[in-house]
Amino acid sequence: MAARKVSYKTQLEEIRRMRIDMAENCLCNGVKTLICVCSGASNVGQISNKAAMVFGEEGTGRFFCLAGIGGNIARMVDTARDEEMRVVIDGCPTGCGKATLERAGVKADVHVVVTDLGVKKQHNFNFTDEEVSQVVAKVKESLQS
């Protein structure tokens, strides 16, 4: 099966749908596995973002607001600290997502770095479904170990 590129416009539409879902159904409470990502300005950041959306769509994890934790919003930091499992998906080894949690005193139980899976960081927003699937599979594997 040929790799399908996901356009920037499609990504924006997915993000808008996710924001609407978050506004209508607050994802801050009652969650057992939080998914936090660095959605950096690159292909690997967008792969991280899309992988988190997959977990939300499957109902196996909830995309959580990393900016709220970084902004030291007490309710959000407390929620992240109190949940059973915290997953951080960073696009590159800089590790902005993990560092944001650590600065707030929150431990990442699972940390996946997209570039560690062989995806080359590029300063564009192009990625394939296969790259997203690879990240999702790695997170699931890490959660089971």
N, C-alpha and C. Protein backbone atom coordinates (compact mmCIF):
# COMPACT_ATOMS: atom_id res chain seq x y z
N MET A 1 0.84 -1.17 0.00
CA MET A 1 0.00 0.00 0.00
C MET A 1 0.89 1.24 0.00
N ALA A 2 0.61 2.18 -0.88
CA ALA A 2 1.40 3.39 -1.00
C ALA A 2 1.17 4.31 0.20
N ALA A 3 2.23 5.02 0.56
CA ALA A 3 2.13 5.97 1.67
C ALA A 3 1.24 7.13 1.25
N ARG A 4 0.35 7.52 2.15
CA ARG A 4 -0.56 8.64 1.87
C ARG A 4 -0.06 9.85 2.64
N LYS A 5 0.24 10.91 1.90
CA LYS A 5 0.64 12.17 2.54
C LYS A 5 -0.61 12.85 3.08
N VAL A 6 -0.50 13.41 4.25
CA VAL A 6 -1.61 14.13 4.86
C VAL A 6 -1.35 15.61 4.65
N SER A 7 -2.24 16.28 3.97
CA SER A 7 -2.04 17.69 3.66
C SER A 7 -2.15 18.56 4.90
N TYR A 8 -1.55 19.72 4.81
CA TYR A 8 -1.62 20.69 5.89
C TYR A 8 -3.06 21.08 6.16
N LYS A 9 -3.86 21.25 5.11
CA LYS A 9 -5.27 21.61 5.25
C LYS A 9 -6.03 20.52 6.00
N THR A 10 -5.77 19.26 5.67
CA THR A 10 -6.42 18.15 6.36
C THR A 10 -6.04 18.13 7.84
N GLN A 11 -4.76 18.39 8.12
CA GLN A 11 -4.30 18.43 9.51
C GLN A 11 -5.02 19.52 10.28
N LEU A 12 -5.16 20.70 9.66
CA LEU A 12 -5.86 21.80 10.33
C LEU A 12 -7.31 21.45 10.61
N GLU A 13 -7.96 20.79 9.66
CA GLU A 13 -9.35 20.38 9.86
C GLU A 13 -9.46 19.40 11.01
N GLU A 14 -8.52 18.47 11.12
CA GLU A 14 -8.53 17.49 12.21
C GLU A 14 -8.31 18.19 13.56
N ILE A 15 -7.41 19.16 13.58
CA ILE A 15 -7.15 19.90 14.81
C ILE A 15 -8.39 20.70 15.22
N ARG A 16 -9.05 21.32 14.26
CA ARG A 16 -10.29 22.07 14.57
C ARG A 16 -11.35 21.14 15.16
N ARG A 17 -11.50 19.95 14.56
CA ARG A 17 -12.48 18.98 15.08
C ARG A 17 -12.11 18.58 16.51
N MET A 18 -10.82 18.39 16.76
CA MET A 18 -10.37 17.99 18.09
C MET A 18 -10.65 19.12 19.09
N ARG A 19 -10.42 20.37 18.69
CA ARG A 19 -10.69 21.50 19.59
C ARG A 19 -12.18 21.59 19.91
N ILE A 20 -13.02 21.37 18.93
CA ILE A 20 -14.46 21.38 19.16
C ILE A 20 -14.83 20.28 20.14
N ASP A 21 -14.26 19.08 19.93
CA ASP A 21 -14.53 17.96 20.82
C ASP A 21 -14.07 18.28 22.24
N MET A 22 -12.89 18.89 22.36
CA MET A 22 -12.37 19.24 23.68
C MET A 22 -13.25 20.28 24.36
N ALA A 23 -13.77 21.23 23.59
CA ALA A 23 -14.64 22.26 24.16
C ALA A 23 -15.97 21.68 24.62
N GLU A 24 -16.49 20.74 23.84
CA GLU A 24 -17.79 20.15 24.17
C GLU A 24 -17.69 19.07 25.24
N ASN A 25 -16.58 18.36 25.27
CA ASN A 25 -16.38 17.26 26.20
C ASN A 25 -15.02 17.43 26.85
N CYS A 26 -14.95 18.19 27.92
CA CYS A 26 -13.67 18.47 28.55
C CYS A 26 -12.91 17.17 28.80
N LEU A 27 -11.68 17.15 28.36
CA LEU A 27 -10.86 15.95 28.50
C LEU A 27 -10.01 15.99 29.76
N CYS A 28 -10.33 16.89 30.66
CA CYS A 28 -9.47 17.09 31.82
C CYS A 28 -9.77 16.14 32.97
N ASN A 29 -10.93 15.53 33.00
CA ASN A 29 -11.31 14.71 34.15
C ASN A 29 -11.67 13.29 33.73
N GLY A 30 -11.53 12.36 34.66
CA GLY A 30 -11.96 10.99 34.44
C GLY A 30 -11.13 10.20 33.45
N VAL A 31 -9.90 10.60 33.24
CA VAL A 31 -9.04 9.97 32.25
C VAL A 31 -8.02 9.11 32.98
N LYS A 32 -7.71 7.94 32.42
CA LYS A 32 -6.72 7.07 33.05
C LYS A 32 -5.36 7.18 32.38
N THR A 33 -5.31 7.46 31.10
CA THR A 33 -4.04 7.61 30.38
C THR A 33 -4.04 8.94 29.66
N LEU A 34 -3.17 9.83 30.11
CA LEU A 34 -3.04 11.13 29.47
C LEU A 34 -1.97 11.05 28.39
N ILE A 35 -2.24 11.67 27.26
CA ILE A 35 -1.29 11.72 26.17
C ILE A 35 -0.91 13.19 25.98
N CYS A 36 0.34 13.52 26.22
CA CYS A 36 0.85 14.87 26.03
C CYS A 36 1.89 14.84 24.92
N VAL A 37 1.84 15.82 24.05
CA VAL A 37 2.79 15.84 22.93
C VAL A 37 3.39 17.22 22.74
N CYS A 38 4.59 17.22 22.19
CA CYS A 38 5.15 18.45 21.66
C CYS A 38 4.77 18.45 20.18
N SER A 39 3.92 19.37 19.80
CA SER A 39 3.46 19.48 18.41
C SER A 39 4.32 20.49 17.67
N GLY A 40 5.62 20.39 17.84
CA GLY A 40 6.57 21.34 17.29
C GLY A 40 6.39 21.63 15.80
N ALA A 41 7.04 22.67 15.35
CA ALA A 41 6.89 23.17 13.98
C ALA A 41 7.70 22.33 13.00
N SER A 42 7.34 21.07 12.90
CA SER A 42 8.04 20.16 12.00
C SER A 42 7.15 18.96 11.70
N ASN A 43 7.59 18.15 10.79
CA ASN A 43 6.85 16.94 10.47
C ASN A 43 6.72 16.01 11.68
N VAL A 44 7.80 15.87 12.46
CA VAL A 44 7.74 14.94 13.60
C VAL A 44 6.85 15.46 14.72
N GLY A 45 6.75 16.77 14.85
CA GLY A 45 5.80 17.34 15.81
C GLY A 45 4.37 17.05 15.40
N GLN A 46 4.10 17.13 14.11
CA GLN A 46 2.75 16.86 13.62
C GLN A 46 2.42 15.37 13.69
N ILE A 47 3.43 14.51 13.51
CA ILE A 47 3.22 13.07 13.69
C ILE A 47 2.83 12.80 15.14
N SER A 48 3.53 13.44 16.08
CA SER A 48 3.21 13.29 17.51
C SER A 48 1.77 13.71 17.77
N ASN A 49 1.40 14.85 17.22
CA ASN A 49 0.05 15.39 17.39
C ASN A 49 -1.00 14.41 16.86
N LYS A 50 -0.79 13.92 15.66
CA LYS A 50 -1.76 13.01 15.04
C LYS A 50 -1.83 11.69 15.82
N ALA A 51 -0.70 11.21 16.32
CA ALA A 51 -0.71 9.97 17.11
C ALA A 51 -1.57 10.15 18.35
N ALA A 52 -1.45 11.30 19.01
CA ALA A 52 -2.28 11.56 20.19
C ALA A 52 -3.76 11.57 19.83
N MET A 53 -4.07 12.13 18.67
CA MET A 53 -5.46 12.16 18.22
C MET A 53 -5.99 10.75 18.00
N VAL A 54 -5.14 9.85 17.51
CA VAL A 54 -5.54 8.46 17.30
C VAL A 54 -5.96 7.83 18.62
N PHE A 55 -5.16 8.05 19.67
CA PHE A 55 -5.52 7.49 20.98
C PHE A 55 -6.85 8.04 21.48
N GLY A 56 -7.07 9.32 21.24
CA GLY A 56 -8.36 9.92 21.62
C GLY A 56 -9.51 9.32 20.85
N GLU A 57 -9.32 9.13 19.55
CA GLU A 57 -10.37 8.56 18.71
C GLU A 57 -10.66 7.11 19.10
N GLU A 58 -9.63 6.37 19.48
CA GLU A 58 -9.81 4.98 19.90
C GLU A 58 -10.41 4.87 21.30
N GLY A 59 -10.28 5.93 22.07
CA GLY A 59 -10.73 5.89 23.46
C GLY A 59 -9.74 5.22 24.39
N THR A 60 -8.50 5.02 23.93
CA THR A 60 -7.48 4.36 24.74
C THR A 60 -6.59 5.33 25.49
N GLY A 61 -6.76 6.61 25.21
CA GLY A 61 -6.00 7.65 25.89
C GLY A 61 -6.63 8.98 25.56
N ARG A 62 -6.29 9.97 26.32
CA ARG A 62 -6.85 11.30 26.10
C ARG A 62 -5.74 12.30 25.84
N PHE A 63 -5.88 13.01 24.76
CA PHE A 63 -4.98 14.08 24.38
C PHE A 63 -5.14 15.16 25.45
N PHE A 64 -4.06 15.48 26.15
CA PHE A 64 -4.12 16.43 27.25
C PHE A 64 -3.32 17.68 26.89
N CYS A 65 -3.68 18.79 27.46
CA CYS A 65 -3.12 20.10 27.12
C CYS A 65 -1.75 20.32 27.78
N LEU A 66 -0.72 20.13 27.01
CA LEU A 66 0.64 20.35 27.49
C LEU A 66 0.88 21.82 27.83
N ALA A 67 0.27 22.71 27.06
CA ALA A 67 0.43 24.15 27.32
C ALA A 67 -0.13 24.52 28.70
N GLY A 68 -1.21 23.89 29.11
CA GLY A 68 -1.78 24.15 30.42
C GLY A 68 -0.85 23.73 31.54
N ILE A 69 -0.16 22.62 31.32
CA ILE A 69 0.83 22.18 32.31
C ILE A 69 2.01 23.14 32.31
N GLY A 70 2.49 23.50 31.13
CA GLY A 70 3.61 24.44 31.03
C GLY A 70 3.26 25.81 31.59
N GLY A 71 1.99 26.18 31.46
CA GLY A 71 1.53 27.46 32.00
C GLY A 71 1.24 27.41 33.48
N ASN A 72 1.47 26.26 34.08
CA ASN A 72 1.28 26.04 35.52
C ASN A 72 -0.16 26.31 35.96
N ILE A 73 -1.11 25.89 35.13
CA ILE A 73 -2.53 25.97 35.49
C ILE A 73 -2.77 24.87 36.51
N ALA A 74 -3.02 25.27 37.75
CA ALA A 74 -3.04 24.34 38.89
C ALA A 74 -3.93 23.12 38.64
N ARG A 75 -5.14 23.33 38.17
CA ARG A 75 -6.06 22.20 37.95
C ARG A 75 -5.50 21.21 36.94
N MET A 76 -4.85 21.73 35.91
CA MET A 76 -4.31 20.85 34.87
C MET A 76 -3.06 20.11 35.37
N VAL A 77 -2.21 20.81 36.09
CA VAL A 77 -1.02 20.15 36.66
C VAL A 77 -1.45 19.06 37.64
N ASP A 78 -2.43 19.38 38.49
CA ASP A 78 -2.92 18.39 39.45
C ASP A 78 -3.52 17.17 38.74
N THR A 79 -4.31 17.41 37.70
CA THR A 79 -4.90 16.31 36.95
C THR A 79 -3.81 15.42 36.36
N ALA A 80 -2.81 16.04 35.75
CA ALA A 80 -1.71 15.26 35.16
C ALA A 80 -0.96 14.48 36.22
N ARG A 81 -0.73 15.09 37.35
CA ARG A 81 0.01 14.44 38.44
C ARG A 81 -0.79 13.27 39.02
N ASP A 82 -2.12 13.40 39.07
CA ASP A 82 -2.96 12.41 39.73
C ASP A 82 -3.38 11.24 38.85
N GLU A 83 -3.23 11.34 37.55
CA GLU A 83 -3.69 10.27 36.67
C GLU A 83 -2.81 9.04 36.77
N GLU A 84 -3.38 7.90 36.39
CA GLU A 84 -2.67 6.63 36.51
C GLU A 84 -1.46 6.54 35.59
N MET A 85 -1.58 7.08 34.38
CA MET A 85 -0.53 6.91 33.39
C MET A 85 -0.39 8.18 32.57
N ARG A 86 0.86 8.59 32.35
CA ARG A 86 1.15 9.76 31.53
C ARG A 86 2.09 9.35 30.40
N VAL A 87 1.67 9.61 29.18
CA VAL A 87 2.47 9.32 27.99
C VAL A 87 2.89 10.65 27.38
N VAL A 88 4.17 10.76 27.06
CA VAL A 88 4.66 11.93 26.34
C VAL A 88 5.22 11.45 25.01
N ILE A 89 4.77 12.11 23.95
CA ILE A 89 5.31 11.84 22.62
C ILE A 89 6.00 13.12 22.16
N ASP A 90 7.32 13.05 22.04
CA ASP A 90 8.11 14.16 21.54
C ASP A 90 8.54 13.84 20.12
N GLY A 91 8.59 14.86 19.28
CA GLY A 91 9.01 14.64 17.91
C GLY A 91 10.50 14.41 17.77
N CYS A 92 11.28 15.11 18.57
CA CYS A 92 12.73 15.04 18.41
C CYS A 92 13.41 14.94 19.78
N PRO A 93 14.72 14.71 19.79
CA PRO A 93 15.44 14.51 21.05
C PRO A 93 15.50 15.74 21.96
N THR A 94 15.11 16.90 21.48
CA THR A 94 15.09 18.07 22.36
C THR A 94 14.18 17.80 23.55
N GLY A 95 13.10 17.05 23.33
CA GLY A 95 12.26 16.58 24.44
C GLY A 95 11.46 17.67 25.14
N CYS A 96 10.90 18.60 24.39
CA CYS A 96 10.13 19.70 24.99
C CYS A 96 8.96 19.20 25.83
N GLY A 97 8.25 18.19 25.35
CA GLY A 97 7.10 17.66 26.08
C GLY A 97 7.50 17.10 27.43
N LYS A 98 8.51 16.24 27.42
CA LYS A 98 8.97 15.63 28.67
C LYS A 98 9.51 16.69 29.63
N ALA A 99 10.26 17.65 29.09
CA ALA A 99 10.81 18.72 29.93
C ALA A 99 9.71 19.56 30.56
N THR A 100 8.64 19.81 29.81
CA THR A 100 7.52 20.59 30.33
C THR A 100 6.88 19.88 31.52
N LEU A 101 6.66 18.58 31.39
CA LEU A 101 6.10 17.82 32.51
C LEU A 101 7.05 17.83 33.70
N GLU A 102 8.32 17.57 33.46
CA GLU A 102 9.30 17.52 34.56
C GLU A 102 9.36 18.85 35.31
N ARG A 103 9.31 19.95 34.59
CA ARG A 103 9.36 21.27 35.22
C ARG A 103 8.17 21.47 36.16
N ALA A 104 7.04 20.84 35.82
CA ALA A 104 5.85 20.94 36.67
C ALA A 104 5.82 19.87 37.76
N GLY A 105 6.87 19.06 37.82
CA GLY A 105 6.93 18.01 38.83
C GLY A 105 6.08 16.80 38.48
N VAL A 106 5.83 16.59 37.20
CA VAL A 106 5.01 15.47 36.74
C VAL A 106 5.91 14.49 35.99
N LYS A 107 5.82 13.23 36.35
CA LYS A 107 6.66 12.19 35.74
C LYS A 107 5.95 11.59 34.52
N ALA A 108 6.70 11.47 33.43
CA ALA A 108 6.19 10.75 32.25
C ALA A 108 6.43 9.26 32.48
N ASP A 109 5.36 8.46 32.42
CA ASP A 109 5.50 7.02 32.58
C ASP A 109 6.01 6.37 31.31
N VAL A 110 5.62 6.91 30.18
CA VAL A 110 6.09 6.44 28.87
C VAL A 110 6.53 7.67 28.09
N HIS A 111 7.71 7.57 27.49
CA HIS A 111 8.23 8.67 26.67
C HIS A 111 8.70 8.09 25.34
N VAL A 112 8.09 8.54 24.25
CA VAL A 112 8.45 8.09 22.91
C VAL A 112 8.92 9.30 22.13
N VAL A 113 10.04 9.12 21.42
CA VAL A 113 10.60 10.18 20.57
C VAL A 113 10.51 9.69 19.13
N VAL A 114 9.81 10.45 18.31
CA VAL A 114 9.54 10.04 16.93
C VAL A 114 10.82 9.81 16.14
N THR A 115 11.81 10.68 16.28
CA THR A 115 13.05 10.50 15.51
C THR A 115 13.81 9.25 15.92
N ASP A 116 13.58 8.74 17.14
CA ASP A 116 14.21 7.48 17.57
C ASP A 116 13.66 6.30 16.78
N LEU A 117 12.53 6.50 16.12
CA LEU A 117 11.91 5.43 15.33
C LEU A 117 12.34 5.50 13.87
N GLY A 118 13.32 6.32 13.58
CA GLY A 118 13.86 6.39 12.22
C GLY A 118 13.24 7.43 11.32
N VAL A 119 12.36 8.25 11.84
CA VAL A 119 11.75 9.31 11.04
C VAL A 119 12.67 10.53 11.10
N LYS A 120 13.01 11.05 9.94
CA LYS A 120 13.90 12.22 9.87
C LYS A 120 13.11 13.50 10.09
N LYS A 121 13.61 14.35 10.98
CA LYS A 121 12.96 15.63 11.24
C LYS A 121 13.16 16.55 10.04
N GLN A 122 12.05 17.14 9.61
CA GLN A 122 12.08 18.11 8.51
C GLN A 122 11.23 19.29 8.92
N HIS A 123 11.59 20.45 8.44
CA HIS A 123 10.85 21.65 8.81
C HIS A 123 9.72 21.90 7.81
N ASN A 124 8.82 20.91 7.77
CA ASN A 124 7.59 21.00 6.99
C ASN A 124 6.54 20.22 7.77
N PHE A 125 5.34 20.11 7.26
CA PHE A 125 4.27 19.44 7.98
C PHE A 125 3.80 18.18 7.27
N ASN A 126 4.65 17.60 6.45
CA ASN A 126 4.28 16.41 5.67
C ASN A 126 4.64 15.15 6.42
N PHE A 127 3.70 14.23 6.46
CA PHE A 127 3.95 12.93 7.07
C PHE A 127 3.00 11.92 6.46
N THR A 128 3.25 10.65 6.75
CA THR A 128 2.40 9.59 6.22
C THR A 128 1.63 8.91 7.34
N ASP A 129 0.56 8.25 6.97
CA ASP A 129 -0.21 7.46 7.94
C ASP A 129 0.66 6.37 8.55
N GLU A 130 1.57 5.82 7.76
CA GLU A 130 2.46 4.76 8.26
C GLU A 130 3.36 5.27 9.37
N GLU A 131 3.83 6.50 9.25
CA GLU A 131 4.67 7.08 10.31
C GLU A 131 3.87 7.26 11.59
N VAL A 132 2.64 7.71 11.46
CA VAL A 132 1.76 7.85 12.64
C VAL A 132 1.52 6.48 13.26
N SER A 133 1.21 5.49 12.44
CA SER A 133 0.96 4.13 12.93
C SER A 133 2.16 3.56 13.66
N GLN A 134 3.34 3.88 13.19
CA GLN A 134 4.57 3.41 13.83
C GLN A 134 4.68 3.99 15.25
N VAL A 135 4.36 5.26 15.40
CA VAL A 135 4.42 5.90 16.72
C VAL A 135 3.34 5.33 17.64
N VAL A 136 2.14 5.16 17.13
CA VAL A 136 1.04 4.59 17.93
C VAL A 136 1.43 3.19 18.41
N ALA A 137 1.99 2.39 17.51
CA ALA A 137 2.40 1.02 17.88
C ALA A 137 3.48 1.04 18.96
N LYS A 138 4.44 1.96 18.86
CA LYS A 138 5.51 2.05 19.86
C LYS A 138 4.96 2.45 21.22
N VAL A 139 4.03 3.39 21.24
CA VAL A 139 3.42 3.79 22.51
C VAL A 139 2.67 2.61 23.12
N LYS A 140 1.88 1.92 22.32
CA LYS A 140 1.12 0.76 22.83
C LYS A 140 2.06 -0.31 23.36
N GLU A 141 3.14 -0.56 22.65
CA GLU A 141 4.13 -1.54 23.09
C GLU A 141 4.73 -1.12 24.44
N SER A 142 5.06 0.15 24.57
CA SER A 142 5.65 0.66 25.80
C SER A 142 4.67 0.60 26.97
N LEU A 143 3.39 0.81 26.69
CA LEU A 143 2.38 0.73 27.76
C LEU A 143 2.21 -0.69 28.28
N GLN A 144 2.47 -1.68 27.42
CA GLN A 144 2.31 -3.08 27.83
C GLN A 144 3.51 -3.63 28.57
N SER A 145 4.66 -2.95 28.47
CA SER A 145 5.86 -3.49 29.13
C SER A 145 6.05 -2.97 30.52
